[in-house]
Amino acid sequence: MSREQAFLHMLDAASKMQWSIAMILEAKAVEAEKVRNWAINHLTVDAFQTHNEQLKEPLQIHEQIIELLEGLTKLENGLCSNLKAVLVQEESGGLSEDDGMFGSGFDLGDIGK
């Protein structure tokens, strides 16, 4: 397998992972909407005996959401470092201009404009 094919496989795998992450986020959004509706209907002043308990329950929900977001951020950072490996390889001269898509065939010159 050539280097270009290996990079294409990496990019294909990264795009499939991004799609899976999007599906996870979509499912989590639906779940979050259900939790929101439940919280609105059940986390009332009457449901708790003390103010401390009233604050504790929503904070636990928020902690779970933050943990989820932190995990997804770490996953995205890992994907980003893998994709940077492809770009750094290209910029450092690891591939020549004749190497197809990663050489002269992949012009990103208009990005800075």
C-alpha atoms as a PDB file:
ATOM      1  CA  MET A   1       0.000   0.000   0.000  1.00  0.00           C
ATOM      2  CA  SER A   2       1.402   3.371  -0.976  1.00  0.00           C
ATOM      3  CA  ARG A   3       1.693   6.291   1.392  1.00  0.00           C
ATOM      4  CA  GLU A   4      -1.086   8.112  -0.461  1.00  0.00           C
ATOM      5  CA  GLN A   5      -3.419   5.125  -0.073  1.00  0.00           C
ATOM      6  CA  ALA A   6      -2.591   4.909   3.625  1.00  0.00           C
ATOM      7  CA  PHE A   7      -3.436   8.589   4.053  1.00  0.00           C
ATOM      8  CA  LEU A   8      -6.680   8.107   2.142  1.00  0.00           C
ATOM      9  CA  HIS A   9      -7.595   5.221   4.458  1.00  0.00           C
ATOM     10  CA  MET A  10      -6.827   7.445   7.460  1.00  0.00           C
ATOM     11  CA  LEU A  11      -9.039  10.213   6.106  1.00  0.00           C
ATOM     12  CA  ASP A  12     -11.819   7.755   5.280  1.00  0.00           C
ATOM     13  CA  ALA A  13     -11.683   6.293   8.787  1.00  0.00           C
ATOM     14  CA  ALA A  14     -11.681   9.793  10.298  1.00  0.00           C
ATOM     15  CA  SER A  15     -14.738  10.782   8.264  1.00  0.00           C
ATOM     16  CA  LYS A  16     -16.585   7.638   9.368  1.00  0.00           C
ATOM     17  CA  MET A  17     -15.716   8.370  12.983  1.00  0.00           C
ATOM     18  CA  GLN A  18     -16.973  11.945  12.584  1.00  0.00           C
ATOM     19  CA  TRP A  19     -20.250  10.603  11.200  1.00  0.00           C
ATOM     20  CA  SER A  20     -20.560   8.240  14.174  1.00  0.00           C
ATOM     21  CA  ILE A  21     -19.870  11.113  16.562  1.00  0.00           C
ATOM     22  CA  ALA A  22     -22.575  13.150  14.839  1.00  0.00           C
ATOM     23  CA  MET A  23     -25.030  10.283  15.361  1.00  0.00           C
ATOM     24  CA  ILE A  24     -24.033  10.055  19.039  1.00  0.00           C
ATOM     25  CA  LEU A  25     -24.579  13.784  19.459  1.00  0.00           C
ATOM     26  CA  GLU A  26     -27.954  13.581  17.756  1.00  0.00           C
ATOM     27  CA  ALA A  27     -29.037  10.777  20.095  1.00  0.00           C
ATOM     28  CA  LYS A  28     -27.729  12.709  23.092  1.00  0.00           C
ATOM     29  CA  ALA A  29     -29.707  15.767  21.992  1.00  0.00           C
ATOM     30  CA  VAL A  30     -32.902  13.699  21.931  1.00  0.00           C
ATOM     31  CA  GLU A  31     -32.039  12.257  25.342  1.00  0.00           C
ATOM     32  CA  ALA A  32     -31.266  15.729  26.707  1.00  0.00           C
ATOM     33  CA  GLU A  33     -34.662  16.967  25.530  1.00  0.00           C
ATOM     34  CA  LYS A  34     -36.340  14.103  27.410  1.00  0.00           C
ATOM     35  CA  VAL A  35     -34.302  14.862  30.534  1.00  0.00           C
ATOM     36  CA  ARG A  36     -35.214  18.545  30.239  1.00  0.00           C
ATOM     37  CA  ASN A  37     -38.912  17.724  30.022  1.00  0.00           C
ATOM     38  CA  TRP A  38     -38.645  15.350  32.978  1.00  0.00           C
ATOM     39  CA  ALA A  39     -36.722  17.917  35.027  1.00  0.00           C
ATOM     40  CA  ILE A  40     -39.259  20.651  34.302  1.00  0.00           C
ATOM     41  CA  ASN A  41     -42.106  18.419  35.477  1.00  0.00           C
ATOM     42  CA  HIS A  42     -40.438  16.689  38.430  1.00  0.00           C
ATOM     43  CA  LEU A  43     -37.741  18.941  39.872  1.00  0.00           C
ATOM     44  CA  THR A  44     -40.066  21.363  41.601  1.00  0.00           C
ATOM     45  CA  VAL A  45     -39.800  22.902  45.046  1.00  0.00           C
ATOM     46  CA  ASP A  46     -42.272  20.336  46.388  1.00  0.00           C
ATOM     47  CA  ALA A  47     -40.060  17.411  45.330  1.00  0.00           C
ATOM     48  CA  PHE A  48     -37.273  18.325  47.778  1.00  0.00           C
ATOM     49  CA  GLN A  49     -37.194  18.696  51.518  1.00  0.00           C
ATOM     50  CA  THR A  50     -34.236  21.069  51.693  1.00  0.00           C
ATOM     51  CA  HIS A  51     -32.741  23.711  49.467  1.00  0.00           C
ATOM     52  CA  ASN A  52     -29.488  21.737  49.407  1.00  0.00           C
ATOM     53  CA  GLU A  53     -31.248  18.725  47.865  1.00  0.00           C
ATOM     54  CA  GLN A  54     -32.959  21.009  45.365  1.00  0.00           C
ATOM     55  CA  LEU A  55     -29.558  22.223  44.135  1.00  0.00           C
ATOM     56  CA  LYS A  56     -27.863  18.833  44.275  1.00  0.00           C
ATOM     57  CA  GLU A  57     -30.043  17.035  41.697  1.00  0.00           C
ATOM     58  CA  PRO A  58     -29.651  19.547  38.827  1.00  0.00           C
ATOM     59  CA  LEU A  59     -25.920  19.810  39.539  1.00  0.00           C
ATOM     60  CA  GLN A  60     -25.575  16.048  39.093  1.00  0.00           C
ATOM     61  CA  ILE A  61     -27.321  16.295  35.724  1.00  0.00           C
ATOM     62  CA  HIS A  62     -25.010  19.123  34.687  1.00  0.00           C
ATOM     63  CA  GLU A  63     -21.944  17.123  35.770  1.00  0.00           C
ATOM     64  CA  GLN A  64     -23.015  14.233  33.545  1.00  0.00           C
ATOM     65  CA  ILE A  65     -23.435  16.566  30.577  1.00  0.00           C
ATOM     66  CA  ILE A  66     -20.021  18.121  31.205  1.00  0.00           C
ATOM     67  CA  GLU A  67     -18.385  14.669  31.414  1.00  0.00           C
ATOM     68  CA  LEU A  68     -19.971  13.741  28.089  1.00  0.00           C
ATOM     69  CA  LEU A  69     -18.734  16.934  26.447  1.00  0.00           C
ATOM     70  CA  GLU A  70     -15.232  16.478  27.883  1.00  0.00           C
ATOM     71  CA  GLY A  71     -15.097  12.928  26.533  1.00  0.00           C
ATOM     72  CA  LEU A  72     -16.207  14.020  23.075  1.00  0.00           C
ATOM     73  CA  THR A  73     -13.687  16.882  23.153  1.00  0.00           C
ATOM     74  CA  LYS A  74     -10.872  14.437  23.941  1.00  0.00           C
ATOM     75  CA  LEU A  75     -12.032  12.190  21.111  1.00  0.00           C
ATOM     76  CA  GLU A  76     -12.119  15.116  18.676  1.00  0.00           C
ATOM     77  CA  ASN A  77      -8.650  16.237  19.799  1.00  0.00           C
ATOM     78  CA  GLY A  78      -7.347  12.741  19.075  1.00  0.00           C
ATOM     79  CA  LEU A  79      -8.881  12.814  15.601  1.00  0.00           C
ATOM     80  CA  CYS A  80      -7.417  16.259  15.052  1.00  0.00           C
ATOM     81  CA  SER A  81      -3.909  15.083  15.934  1.00  0.00           C
ATOM     82  CA  ASN A  82      -4.256  12.187  13.476  1.00  0.00           C
ATOM     83  CA  LEU A  83      -5.315  14.551  10.704  1.00  0.00           C
ATOM     84  CA  LYS A  84      -2.476  16.932  11.591  1.00  0.00           C
ATOM     85  CA  ALA A  85      -0.070  14.042  11.025  1.00  0.00           C
ATOM     86  CA  VAL A  86      -1.262  13.888   7.425  1.00  0.00           C
ATOM     87  CA  LEU A  87      -0.911  17.642   6.958  1.00  0.00           C
ATOM     88  CA  VAL A  88       2.490  17.890   8.649  1.00  0.00           C
ATOM     89  CA  GLN A  89       3.764  15.055   6.474  1.00  0.00           C
ATOM     90  CA  GLU A  90       2.667  16.988   3.397  1.00  0.00           C
ATOM     91  CA  GLU A  91       4.102  20.341   4.516  1.00  0.00           C
ATOM     92  CA  SER A  92       7.462  18.918   5.571  1.00  0.00           C
ATOM     93  CA  GLY A  93       8.140  17.673   2.076  1.00  0.00           C
ATOM     94  CA  GLY A  94       7.347  14.057   2.818  1.00  0.00           C
ATOM     95  CA  LEU A  95       5.364  13.972  -0.387  1.00  0.00           C
ATOM     96  CA  SER A  96       6.405  15.488  -3.672  1.00  0.00           C
ATOM     97  CA  GLU A  97       4.283  17.611  -5.981  1.00  0.00           C
ATOM     98  CA  ASP A  98       3.701  14.543  -8.150  1.00  0.00           C
ATOM     99  CA  ASP A  99       1.963  12.572  -5.396  1.00  0.00           C
ATOM    100  CA  GLY A 100      -1.559  13.268  -6.607  1.00  0.00           C
ATOM    101  CA  MET A 101      -4.192  14.559  -4.239  1.00  0.00           C
ATOM    102  CA  PHE A 102      -1.772  15.377  -1.434  1.00  0.00           C
ATOM    103  CA  GLY A 103       0.596  17.191  -3.779  1.00  0.00           C
ATOM    104  CA  SER A 104      -0.349  19.737  -6.396  1.00  0.00           C
ATOM    105  CA  GLY A 105      -3.863  18.323  -6.831  1.00  0.00           C
ATOM    106  CA  PHE A 106      -5.062  19.600  -3.443  1.00  0.00           C
ATOM    107  CA  ASP A 107      -4.843  23.403  -3.601  1.00  0.00           C
ATOM    108  CA  LEU A 108      -5.881  25.201  -0.425  1.00  0.00           C
ATOM    109  CA  GLY A 109      -4.477  28.576  -1.445  1.00  0.00           C
ATOM    110  CA  ASP A 110      -7.810  30.411  -1.191  1.00  0.00           C
ATOM    111  CA  ILE A 111      -8.318  29.637   2.501  1.00  0.00           C
ATOM    112  CA  GLY A 112      -6.418  32.680   3.775  1.00  0.00           C
ATOM    113  CA  LYS A 113      -8.282  35.114   1.488  1.00  0.00           C
END
